[in-house]
Amino acid sequence: MLLALLSLPYGLLAQNQATPKDVIIQFFEAFHKQDTTAMRLLVNDSIRMESISSDEEQEIVITQTNFSHFLKSIASIPKTTEFREEILEYTVKEDALMANVWTPYTFFINDKPSHCGTNNFQLVLENKVWKIIYIVDTRIKTDCI
């Protein structure tokens, strides 16, 4: 009985610990609410962001984005503009210290498809909490939906 009682808090804690998928869901919930404070809490301080697209000649273009600038751009979206990133599925690969969450998506502005692609989130288990350390995405303007 004592052993069962001693293990109870750990069991409750484990149930309440966010999984890598939970963190990504929380990230998008905060993103859609333009809650940059909540978004910042879900990432490691040294987060890196990159986007992969192609130019008119179909050459690959890799763009790096500073996370603080990204947050400022999200916060500056006018309240009259509706935007949403519709996640089509979550594929999670996890080990003891790191995880990868792959999320194909379609991005809408005012209910019209803007672009589509795939997000790839890298997470690290930091003090028993999953934190995003790297986001890379593809951005495709054609053949969405």
C-alpha atoms as a PDB file:
ATOM      1  CA  MET A   1       0.000   0.000   0.000  1.00  0.00           C
ATOM      2  CA  LEU A   2       2.785   2.440   0.918  1.00  0.00           C
ATOM      3  CA  LEU A   3       4.573   1.724  -2.350  1.00  0.00           C
ATOM      4  CA  ALA A   4       1.366   2.470  -4.262  1.00  0.00           C
ATOM      5  CA  LEU A   5       0.945   5.780  -2.430  1.00  0.00           C
ATOM      6  CA  LEU A   6       4.575   6.759  -3.011  1.00  0.00           C
ATOM      7  CA  SER A   7       4.273   6.099  -6.723  1.00  0.00           C
ATOM      8  CA  LEU A   8       1.007   8.049  -7.089  1.00  0.00           C
ATOM      9  CA  PRO A   9       2.503  11.566  -7.446  1.00  0.00           C
ATOM     10  CA  TYR A  10       4.964  10.356 -10.092  1.00  0.00           C
ATOM     11  CA  GLY A  11       2.127   8.659 -11.978  1.00  0.00           C
ATOM     12  CA  LEU A  12       0.041  11.822 -11.874  1.00  0.00           C
ATOM     13  CA  LEU A  13       3.016  13.892 -12.962  1.00  0.00           C
ATOM     14  CA  ALA A  14       3.702  11.576 -15.898  1.00  0.00           C
ATOM     15  CA  GLN A  15       0.060  11.834 -17.010  1.00  0.00           C
ATOM     16  CA  ASN A  16       0.254  15.645 -16.926  1.00  0.00           C
ATOM     17  CA  GLN A  17       3.565  15.893 -18.775  1.00  0.00           C
ATOM     18  CA  ALA A  18       3.035  17.208 -22.301  1.00  0.00           C
ATOM     19  CA  THR A  19       4.146  14.910 -25.106  1.00  0.00           C
ATOM     20  CA  PRO A  20       5.993  16.283 -28.145  1.00  0.00           C
ATOM     21  CA  LYS A  21       2.700  16.226 -30.087  1.00  0.00           C
ATOM     22  CA  ASP A  22       0.984  18.119 -27.236  1.00  0.00           C
ATOM     23  CA  VAL A  23       3.676  20.813 -27.415  1.00  0.00           C
ATOM     24  CA  ILE A  24       3.140  21.275 -31.150  1.00  0.00           C
ATOM     25  CA  ILE A  25      -0.636  21.437 -30.685  1.00  0.00           C
ATOM     26  CA  GLN A  26      -0.128  24.070 -27.959  1.00  0.00           C
ATOM     27  CA  PHE A  27       2.241  25.968 -30.267  1.00  0.00           C
ATOM     28  CA  PHE A  28      -0.398  26.191 -32.998  1.00  0.00           C
ATOM     29  CA  GLU A  29      -3.148  27.098 -30.540  1.00  0.00           C
ATOM     30  CA  ALA A  30      -0.998  30.004 -29.313  1.00  0.00           C
ATOM     31  CA  PHE A  31      -0.058  30.866 -32.930  1.00  0.00           C
ATOM     32  CA  HIS A  32      -3.711  31.166 -33.956  1.00  0.00           C
ATOM     33  CA  LYS A  33      -4.475  33.317 -30.900  1.00  0.00           C
ATOM     34  CA  GLN A  34      -1.385  35.460 -31.649  1.00  0.00           C
ATOM     35  CA  ASP A  35      -0.259  34.672 -28.090  1.00  0.00           C
ATOM     36  CA  THR A  36       3.464  35.226 -28.492  1.00  0.00           C
ATOM     37  CA  THR A  37       4.082  34.838 -24.749  1.00  0.00           C
ATOM     38  CA  ALA A  38       2.686  31.300 -24.815  1.00  0.00           C
ATOM     39  CA  MET A  39       4.648  30.500 -27.978  1.00  0.00           C
ATOM     40  CA  ARG A  40       7.901  31.659 -26.356  1.00  0.00           C
ATOM     41  CA  LEU A  41       7.306  29.333 -23.369  1.00  0.00           C
ATOM     42  CA  LEU A  42       7.239  26.319 -25.704  1.00  0.00           C
ATOM     43  CA  VAL A  43      10.655  26.893 -27.262  1.00  0.00           C
ATOM     44  CA  ASN A  44      14.275  26.686 -26.203  1.00  0.00           C
ATOM     45  CA  ASP A  45      16.065  30.057 -25.999  1.00  0.00           C
ATOM     46  CA  SER A  46      18.367  29.086 -28.882  1.00  0.00           C
ATOM     47  CA  ILE A  47      15.591  28.031 -31.289  1.00  0.00           C
ATOM     48  CA  ARG A  48      16.384  28.132 -35.005  1.00  0.00           C
ATOM     49  CA  MET A  49      13.865  28.567 -37.807  1.00  0.00           C
ATOM     50  CA  GLU A  50      14.256  27.984 -41.534  1.00  0.00           C
ATOM     51  CA  SER A  51      11.954  27.775 -44.542  1.00  0.00           C
ATOM     52  CA  ILE A  52      12.571  25.969 -47.805  1.00  0.00           C
ATOM     53  CA  SER A  53      10.901  27.211 -50.970  1.00  0.00           C
ATOM     54  CA  SER A  54      11.736  27.636 -54.634  1.00  0.00           C
ATOM     55  CA  ASP A  55      12.039  30.715 -56.796  1.00  0.00           C
ATOM     56  CA  GLU A  56      10.661  31.317 -60.297  1.00  0.00           C
ATOM     57  CA  GLU A  57      13.471  29.225 -61.814  1.00  0.00           C
ATOM     58  CA  GLN A  58      12.666  26.352 -59.407  1.00  0.00           C
ATOM     59  CA  GLU A  59      15.922  26.911 -57.548  1.00  0.00           C
ATOM     60  CA  ILE A  60      15.798  25.996 -53.860  1.00  0.00           C
ATOM     61  CA  VAL A  61      15.787  28.964 -51.483  1.00  0.00           C
ATOM     62  CA  ILE A  62      16.498  28.477 -47.767  1.00  0.00           C
ATOM     63  CA  THR A  63      15.483  31.384 -45.561  1.00  0.00           C
ATOM     64  CA  GLN A  64      16.498  31.716 -41.912  1.00  0.00           C
ATOM     65  CA  THR A  65      14.179  33.575 -39.553  1.00  0.00           C
ATOM     66  CA  ASN A  66      14.972  35.006 -36.147  1.00  0.00           C
ATOM     67  CA  PHE A  67      12.361  33.709 -33.680  1.00  0.00           C
ATOM     68  CA  SER A  68      11.862  37.138 -32.080  1.00  0.00           C
ATOM     69  CA  HIS A  69      11.169  38.638 -35.512  1.00  0.00           C
ATOM     70  CA  PHE A  70       8.760  35.780 -36.220  1.00  0.00           C
ATOM     71  CA  LEU A  71       6.862  36.552 -32.996  1.00  0.00           C
ATOM     72  CA  LYS A  72       6.700  40.255 -33.880  1.00  0.00           C
ATOM     73  CA  SER A  73       5.281  39.402 -37.304  1.00  0.00           C
ATOM     74  CA  ILE A  74       2.608  37.161 -35.745  1.00  0.00           C
ATOM     75  CA  ALA A  75       1.664  39.857 -33.216  1.00  0.00           C
ATOM     76  CA  SER A  76       1.403  42.455 -36.006  1.00  0.00           C
ATOM     77  CA  ILE A  77      -1.179  40.558 -38.070  1.00  0.00           C
ATOM     78  CA  PRO A  78      -4.296  42.762 -38.056  1.00  0.00           C
ATOM     79  CA  LYS A  79      -7.239  41.385 -36.089  1.00  0.00           C
ATOM     80  CA  THR A  80      -9.310  41.771 -39.260  1.00  0.00           C
ATOM     81  CA  THR A  81      -7.144  39.174 -41.026  1.00  0.00           C
ATOM     82  CA  GLU A  82      -8.137  35.585 -40.373  1.00  0.00           C
ATOM     83  CA  PHE A  83      -5.345  33.052 -40.686  1.00  0.00           C
ATOM     84  CA  ARG A  84      -4.996  29.415 -39.831  1.00  0.00           C
ATOM     85  CA  GLU A  85      -2.529  26.667 -40.402  1.00  0.00           C
ATOM     86  CA  GLU A  86      -4.498  23.471 -40.834  1.00  0.00           C
ATOM     87  CA  ILE A  87      -2.397  20.501 -39.742  1.00  0.00           C
ATOM     88  CA  LEU A  88      -3.233  17.430 -41.799  1.00  0.00           C
ATOM     89  CA  GLU A  89      -1.475  14.846 -39.599  1.00  0.00           C
ATOM     90  CA  TYR A  90       1.164  14.418 -36.892  1.00  0.00           C
ATOM     91  CA  THR A  91       4.005  11.930 -37.257  1.00  0.00           C
ATOM     92  CA  VAL A  92       6.061  11.689 -34.069  1.00  0.00           C
ATOM     93  CA  LYS A  93       9.428  10.011 -33.567  1.00  0.00           C
ATOM     94  CA  GLU A  94      10.721  10.140 -30.023  1.00  0.00           C
ATOM     95  CA  ASP A  95      13.641   8.893 -27.984  1.00  0.00           C
ATOM     96  CA  ALA A  96      14.681   9.620 -24.417  1.00  0.00           C
ATOM     97  CA  LEU A  97      16.056  13.113 -25.078  1.00  0.00           C
ATOM     98  CA  MET A  98      14.819  14.266 -28.463  1.00  0.00           C
ATOM     99  CA  ALA A  99      11.758  14.109 -30.651  1.00  0.00           C
ATOM    100  CA  ASN A 100      10.731  14.982 -34.185  1.00  0.00           C
ATOM    101  CA  VAL A 101       7.196  15.995 -35.160  1.00  0.00           C
ATOM    102  CA  TRP A 102       6.386  16.061 -38.882  1.00  0.00           C
ATOM    103  CA  THR A 103       3.218  17.985 -39.795  1.00  0.00           C
ATOM    104  CA  PRO A 104       1.968  18.439 -43.369  1.00  0.00           C
ATOM    105  CA  TYR A 105      -0.217  21.560 -43.531  1.00  0.00           C
ATOM    106  CA  THR A 106      -2.246  23.984 -45.588  1.00  0.00           C
ATOM    107  CA  PHE A 107      -2.125  27.669 -44.637  1.00  0.00           C
ATOM    108  CA  PHE A 108      -5.241  29.800 -45.139  1.00  0.00           C
ATOM    109  CA  ILE A 109      -5.654  33.571 -45.148  1.00  0.00           C
ATOM    110  CA  ASN A 110      -9.258  34.763 -44.943  1.00  0.00           C
ATOM    111  CA  ASP A 111     -10.392  31.183 -45.726  1.00  0.00           C
ATOM    112  CA  LYS A 112      -8.395  31.023 -48.971  1.00  0.00           C
ATOM    113  CA  PRO A 113      -5.403  28.690 -49.368  1.00  0.00           C
ATOM    114  CA  SER A 114      -2.180  30.711 -49.353  1.00  0.00           C
ATOM    115  CA  HIS A 115       0.389  27.921 -49.422  1.00  0.00           C
ATOM    116  CA  CYS A 116       1.037  24.407 -48.195  1.00  0.00           C
ATOM    117  CA  GLY A 117       3.950  22.212 -47.222  1.00  0.00           C
ATOM    118  CA  THR A 118       5.345  20.370 -44.252  1.00  0.00           C
ATOM    119  CA  ASN A 119       6.656  21.537 -40.885  1.00  0.00           C
ATOM    120  CA  ASN A 120       9.422  19.603 -39.179  1.00  0.00           C
ATOM    121  CA  PHE A 121       9.814  20.339 -35.457  1.00  0.00           C
ATOM    122  CA  GLN A 122      12.824  19.170 -33.466  1.00  0.00           C
ATOM    123  CA  LEU A 123      12.320  19.037 -29.706  1.00  0.00           C
ATOM    124  CA  VAL A 124      14.593  18.352 -26.762  1.00  0.00           C
ATOM    125  CA  LEU A 125      13.626  17.140 -23.294  1.00  0.00           C
ATOM    126  CA  GLU A 126      14.786  20.033 -21.121  1.00  0.00           C
ATOM    127  CA  ASN A 127      14.280  19.650 -17.353  1.00  0.00           C
ATOM    128  CA  LYS A 128      11.578  17.032 -18.048  1.00  0.00           C
ATOM    129  CA  VAL A 129       9.713  19.408 -20.391  1.00  0.00           C
ATOM    130  CA  TRP A 130       9.693  19.120 -24.192  1.00  0.00           C
ATOM    131  CA  LYS A 131      10.939  22.337 -25.845  1.00  0.00           C
ATOM    132  CA  ILE A 132      11.130  23.143 -29.545  1.00  0.00           C
ATOM    133  CA  ILE A 133      14.726  23.769 -30.657  1.00  0.00           C
ATOM    134  CA  TYR A 134      14.345  23.843 -34.437  1.00  0.00           C
ATOM    135  CA  ILE A 135      11.557  24.452 -36.935  1.00  0.00           C
ATOM    136  CA  VAL A 136      12.024  23.950 -40.651  1.00  0.00           C
ATOM    137  CA  ASP A 137       9.188  24.054 -43.142  1.00  0.00           C
ATOM    138  CA  THR A 138       8.544  23.847 -46.837  1.00  0.00           C
ATOM    139  CA  ARG A 139       6.357  26.423 -48.531  1.00  0.00           C
ATOM    140  CA  ILE A 140       4.678  25.498 -51.778  1.00  0.00           C
ATOM    141  CA  LYS A 141       2.440  27.991 -53.591  1.00  0.00           C
ATOM    142  CA  THR A 142       1.036  25.623 -56.229  1.00  0.00           C
ATOM    143  CA  ASP A 143      -1.015  22.429 -56.084  1.00  0.00           C
ATOM    144  CA  CYS A 144      -2.437  23.125 -52.620  1.00  0.00           C
ATOM    145  CA  ILE A 145      -5.835  21.509 -52.036  1.00  0.00           C
END
